[in-house]
Amino acid sequence: MTRLLVPLSTPDASAFSKTFIASENNEAVEAVNLASMSATVRKALFQFDDAGRLVRLPNKLSVQQMTMWALWTKFEANQKYTEKEVNAIINGFHTFGDQATLRRELVNMKLLGRKSDCSEYWKEPHRPNDEVQDFLRAWRAGLK
């Protein structure tokens, strides 16, 4: 197949290339990004609907833990929550009606802390690893 050569002149090649890359077809860019992600990240992304809500609790532990990080982002740092407030946040995040399991998993993973009597919850400070950061960026962008 022959290629059509089109002459082009630009006063600033750097600015042109940035503009060209930014305007390039987003689907191609998304495909490259997804292709470079781990299988766990890709599987975790498929657990969410178009609104970013968890539609099922994954069977595989690594995928399940990845999805819990997305829920962790829904909580504010340095804020105390009652169990009722935690349940309200969780219920807005999923579609399958099991907030108790999600709340327990957040605590088990030490993403949320709680008093022994369950009267107070808080977001634990963590820095997600690189794989989790890739997942969170893709989840926020709505990639699948």
C-alpha atoms as a PDB file:
ATOM      1  CA  MET A   1       0.000   0.000   0.000  1.00  0.00           C
ATOM      2  CA  THR A   2       1.406   3.384  -0.953  1.00  0.00           C
ATOM      3  CA  ARG A   3       1.355   6.302   1.414  1.00  0.00           C
ATOM      4  CA  LEU A   4       0.277   9.765   0.486  1.00  0.00           C
ATOM      5  CA  LEU A   5       2.913  12.331   1.351  1.00  0.00           C
ATOM      6  CA  VAL A   6       1.578  15.727   2.372  1.00  0.00           C
ATOM      7  CA  PRO A   7       3.994  18.627   2.806  1.00  0.00           C
ATOM      8  CA  LEU A   8       3.686  20.394   6.139  1.00  0.00           C
ATOM      9  CA  SER A   9       5.442  23.364   7.636  1.00  0.00           C
ATOM     10  CA  THR A  10       5.018  24.624  11.173  1.00  0.00           C
ATOM     11  CA  PRO A  11       6.853  27.339  13.100  1.00  0.00           C
ATOM     12  CA  ASP A  12       6.911  25.256  16.327  1.00  0.00           C
ATOM     13  CA  ALA A  13       7.204  21.492  15.859  1.00  0.00           C
ATOM     14  CA  SER A  14       6.878  20.814  19.599  1.00  0.00           C
ATOM     15  CA  ALA A  15       3.580  22.686  19.956  1.00  0.00           C
ATOM     16  CA  PHE A  16       2.284  21.039  16.782  1.00  0.00           C
ATOM     17  CA  SER A  17       3.110  17.529  17.996  1.00  0.00           C
ATOM     18  CA  LYS A  18       1.445  18.161  21.378  1.00  0.00           C
ATOM     19  CA  THR A  19      -1.688  19.432  19.653  1.00  0.00           C
ATOM     20  CA  PHE A  20      -1.660  16.536  17.205  1.00  0.00           C
ATOM     21  CA  ILE A  21      -1.298  13.943  19.956  1.00  0.00           C
ATOM     22  CA  ALA A  22      -4.031  15.583  22.052  1.00  0.00           C
ATOM     23  CA  SER A  23      -6.460  15.615  19.122  1.00  0.00           C
ATOM     24  CA  GLU A  24      -5.646  12.082  17.986  1.00  0.00           C
ATOM     25  CA  ASN A  25      -8.393   9.473  18.149  1.00  0.00           C
ATOM     26  CA  ASN A  26      -8.979   8.750  21.852  1.00  0.00           C
ATOM     27  CA  GLU A  27      -9.996   5.146  21.196  1.00  0.00           C
ATOM     28  CA  ALA A  28      -6.553   4.338  19.834  1.00  0.00           C
ATOM     29  CA  VAL A  29      -4.920   5.955  22.843  1.00  0.00           C
ATOM     30  CA  GLU A  30      -7.229   4.044  25.207  1.00  0.00           C
ATOM     31  CA  ALA A  31      -6.458   0.755  23.468  1.00  0.00           C
ATOM     32  CA  VAL A  32      -2.742   1.321  23.914  1.00  0.00           C
ATOM     33  CA  ASN A  33      -3.233   2.205  27.572  1.00  0.00           C
ATOM     34  CA  LEU A  34      -5.375  -0.860  28.221  1.00  0.00           C
ATOM     35  CA  ALA A  35      -2.953  -3.104  26.382  1.00  0.00           C
ATOM     36  CA  SER A  36      -0.121  -1.967  28.633  1.00  0.00           C
ATOM     37  CA  MET A  37      -2.064  -2.726  31.840  1.00  0.00           C
ATOM     38  CA  SER A  38      -1.878  -5.959  33.787  1.00  0.00           C
ATOM     39  CA  ALA A  39      -4.523  -8.654  33.436  1.00  0.00           C
ATOM     40  CA  THR A  40      -5.659  -7.946  37.003  1.00  0.00           C
ATOM     41  CA  VAL A  41      -6.285  -4.281  36.169  1.00  0.00           C
ATOM     42  CA  ARG A  42      -8.206  -5.176  33.009  1.00  0.00           C
ATOM     43  CA  LYS A  43     -10.320  -7.744  34.869  1.00  0.00           C
ATOM     44  CA  ALA A  44     -11.024  -5.260  37.661  1.00  0.00           C
ATOM     45  CA  LEU A  45     -12.207  -2.626  35.176  1.00  0.00           C
ATOM     46  CA  PHE A  46     -14.790  -5.057  33.766  1.00  0.00           C
ATOM     47  CA  GLN A  47     -16.441  -5.320  37.196  1.00  0.00           C
ATOM     48  CA  PHE A  48     -17.895  -1.806  36.831  1.00  0.00           C
ATOM     49  CA  ASP A  49     -20.834  -0.411  34.866  1.00  0.00           C
ATOM     50  CA  ASP A  50     -20.687   2.713  32.702  1.00  0.00           C
ATOM     51  CA  ALA A  51     -21.445   4.893  35.747  1.00  0.00           C
ATOM     52  CA  GLY A  52     -18.390   3.521  37.580  1.00  0.00           C
ATOM     53  CA  ARG A  53     -20.409   1.371  40.016  1.00  0.00           C
ATOM     54  CA  LEU A  54     -19.318  -2.107  41.020  1.00  0.00           C
ATOM     55  CA  VAL A  55     -21.786  -4.622  39.547  1.00  0.00           C
ATOM     56  CA  ARG A  56     -20.447  -7.791  41.191  1.00  0.00           C
ATOM     57  CA  LEU A  57     -17.911  -8.811  43.781  1.00  0.00           C
ATOM     58  CA  PRO A  58     -15.111 -10.545  41.871  1.00  0.00           C
ATOM     59  CA  ASN A  59     -14.250 -14.133  42.814  1.00  0.00           C
ATOM     60  CA  LYS A  60     -10.522 -13.727  42.330  1.00  0.00           C
ATOM     61  CA  LEU A  61      -8.972 -12.127  45.413  1.00  0.00           C
ATOM     62  CA  SER A  62      -6.480  -9.916  43.558  1.00  0.00           C
ATOM     63  CA  VAL A  63      -9.246  -8.481  41.357  1.00  0.00           C
ATOM     64  CA  GLN A  64     -11.522  -8.039  44.372  1.00  0.00           C
ATOM     65  CA  GLN A  65      -8.806  -6.140  46.228  1.00  0.00           C
ATOM     66  CA  MET A  66      -8.213  -3.920  43.203  1.00  0.00           C
ATOM     67  CA  THR A  67     -11.894  -2.951  43.131  1.00  0.00           C
ATOM     68  CA  MET A  68     -11.782  -2.063  46.840  1.00  0.00           C
ATOM     69  CA  TRP A  69      -9.264   0.676  46.052  1.00  0.00           C
ATOM     70  CA  ALA A  70     -11.876   2.406  43.903  1.00  0.00           C
ATOM     71  CA  LEU A  71     -14.278   2.352  46.840  1.00  0.00           C
ATOM     72  CA  TRP A  72     -11.507   3.652  49.117  1.00  0.00           C
ATOM     73  CA  THR A  73     -11.303   6.808  46.962  1.00  0.00           C
ATOM     74  CA  LYS A  74     -14.920   7.638  47.855  1.00  0.00           C
ATOM     75  CA  PHE A  75     -13.942   8.407  51.451  1.00  0.00           C
ATOM     76  CA  GLU A  76     -12.377  11.662  52.642  1.00  0.00           C
ATOM     77  CA  ALA A  77      -9.118  11.694  54.583  1.00  0.00           C
ATOM     78  CA  ASN A  78      -9.173  12.927  58.183  1.00  0.00           C
ATOM     79  CA  GLN A  79     -12.924  12.494  58.509  1.00  0.00           C
ATOM     80  CA  LYS A  80     -14.816  10.253  60.918  1.00  0.00           C
ATOM     81  CA  TYR A  81     -17.832   8.317  59.661  1.00  0.00           C
ATOM     82  CA  THR A  82     -20.659   6.485  61.370  1.00  0.00           C
ATOM     83  CA  GLU A  83     -21.601   3.031  60.106  1.00  0.00           C
ATOM     84  CA  LYS A  84     -24.713   4.553  58.552  1.00  0.00           C
ATOM     85  CA  GLU A  85     -22.588   7.107  56.616  1.00  0.00           C
ATOM     86  CA  VAL A  86     -20.192   4.368  55.463  1.00  0.00           C
ATOM     87  CA  ASN A  87     -23.141   2.288  54.257  1.00  0.00           C
ATOM     88  CA  ALA A  88     -24.547   5.269  52.348  1.00  0.00           C
ATOM     89  CA  ILE A  89     -21.222   5.792  50.532  1.00  0.00           C
ATOM     90  CA  ILE A  90     -20.917   2.071  49.782  1.00  0.00           C
ATOM     91  CA  ASN A  91     -24.513   1.830  48.528  1.00  0.00           C
ATOM     92  CA  GLY A  92     -23.824   4.604  46.026  1.00  0.00           C
ATOM     93  CA  PHE A  93     -20.827   2.652  44.754  1.00  0.00           C
ATOM     94  CA  HIS A  94     -22.307  -0.765  43.952  1.00  0.00           C
ATOM     95  CA  THR A  95     -25.413  -2.314  42.394  1.00  0.00           C
ATOM     96  CA  PHE A  96     -25.651  -5.748  44.042  1.00  0.00           C
ATOM     97  CA  GLY A  97     -26.948  -4.861  47.520  1.00  0.00           C
ATOM     98  CA  ASP A  98     -24.265  -6.223  49.877  1.00  0.00           C
ATOM     99  CA  GLN A  99     -22.755  -3.257  51.698  1.00  0.00           C
ATOM    100  CA  ALA A 100     -21.772  -5.401  54.703  1.00  0.00           C
ATOM    101  CA  THR A 101     -19.356  -7.492  52.620  1.00  0.00           C
ATOM    102  CA  LEU A 102     -17.819  -4.419  50.989  1.00  0.00           C
ATOM    103  CA  ARG A 103     -17.464  -2.644  54.341  1.00  0.00           C
ATOM    104  CA  ARG A 104     -15.854  -5.745  55.881  1.00  0.00           C
ATOM    105  CA  GLU A 105     -13.423  -6.063  52.959  1.00  0.00           C
ATOM    106  CA  LEU A 106     -12.384  -2.410  53.276  1.00  0.00           C
ATOM    107  CA  VAL A 107     -11.617  -3.008  56.957  1.00  0.00           C
ATOM    108  CA  ASN A 108      -9.891  -6.360  56.294  1.00  0.00           C
ATOM    109  CA  MET A 109      -7.649  -4.717  53.701  1.00  0.00           C
ATOM    110  CA  LYS A 110      -6.944  -1.928  56.205  1.00  0.00           C
ATOM    111  CA  LEU A 111      -8.241   0.683  53.767  1.00  0.00           C
ATOM    112  CA  LEU A 112     -10.753   1.743  56.410  1.00  0.00           C
ATOM    113  CA  GLY A 113     -10.151   1.723  60.126  1.00  0.00           C
ATOM    114  CA  ARG A 114     -12.852   1.343  62.736  1.00  0.00           C
ATOM    115  CA  LYS A 115     -13.400   1.307  66.466  1.00  0.00           C
ATOM    116  CA  SER A 116     -13.974  -2.123  67.974  1.00  0.00           C
ATOM    117  CA  ASP A 117     -17.634  -1.293  68.644  1.00  0.00           C
ATOM    118  CA  CYS A 118     -18.111  -0.196  64.970  1.00  0.00           C
ATOM    119  CA  SER A 119     -19.288   3.257  66.080  1.00  0.00           C
ATOM    120  CA  GLU A 120     -16.655   5.137  64.098  1.00  0.00           C
ATOM    121  CA  TYR A 121     -14.862   4.570  60.789  1.00  0.00           C
ATOM    122  CA  TRP A 122     -12.100   6.491  59.027  1.00  0.00           C
ATOM    123  CA  LYS A 123     -10.075   6.289  55.835  1.00  0.00           C
ATOM    124  CA  GLU A 124      -6.617   4.853  56.428  1.00  0.00           C
ATOM    125  CA  PRO A 125      -3.795   6.767  54.749  1.00  0.00           C
ATOM    126  CA  HIS A 126      -2.223   4.634  52.026  1.00  0.00           C
ATOM    127  CA  ARG A 127      -0.272   5.227  48.868  1.00  0.00           C
ATOM    128  CA  PRO A 128      -1.470   2.817  46.196  1.00  0.00           C
ATOM    129  CA  ASN A 129       1.228   0.908  44.324  1.00  0.00           C
ATOM    130  CA  ASP A 130       1.832   1.524  40.608  1.00  0.00           C
ATOM    131  CA  GLU A 131      -0.590  -1.182  39.446  1.00  0.00           C
ATOM    132  CA  VAL A 132      -3.378   0.200  41.636  1.00  0.00           C
ATOM    133  CA  GLN A 133      -2.634   3.720  40.411  1.00  0.00           C
ATOM    134  CA  ASP A 134      -2.970   2.482  36.807  1.00  0.00           C
ATOM    135  CA  PHE A 135      -6.291   0.902  37.711  1.00  0.00           C
ATOM    136  CA  LEU A 136      -7.590   4.040  39.465  1.00  0.00           C
ATOM    137  CA  ARG A 137      -6.627   6.278  36.513  1.00  0.00           C
ATOM    138  CA  ALA A 138      -8.386   3.960  34.063  1.00  0.00           C
ATOM    139  CA  TRP A 139     -11.439   3.570  36.335  1.00  0.00           C
ATOM    140  CA  ARG A 140     -11.784   7.354  36.695  1.00  0.00           C
ATOM    141  CA  ALA A 141     -11.489   7.724  32.916  1.00  0.00           C
ATOM    142  CA  GLY A 142     -14.184   5.086  32.412  1.00  0.00           C
ATOM    143  CA  LEU A 143     -11.957   2.752  30.387  1.00  0.00           C
ATOM    144  CA  LYS A 144     -12.945  -0.882  29.833  1.00  0.00           C
END
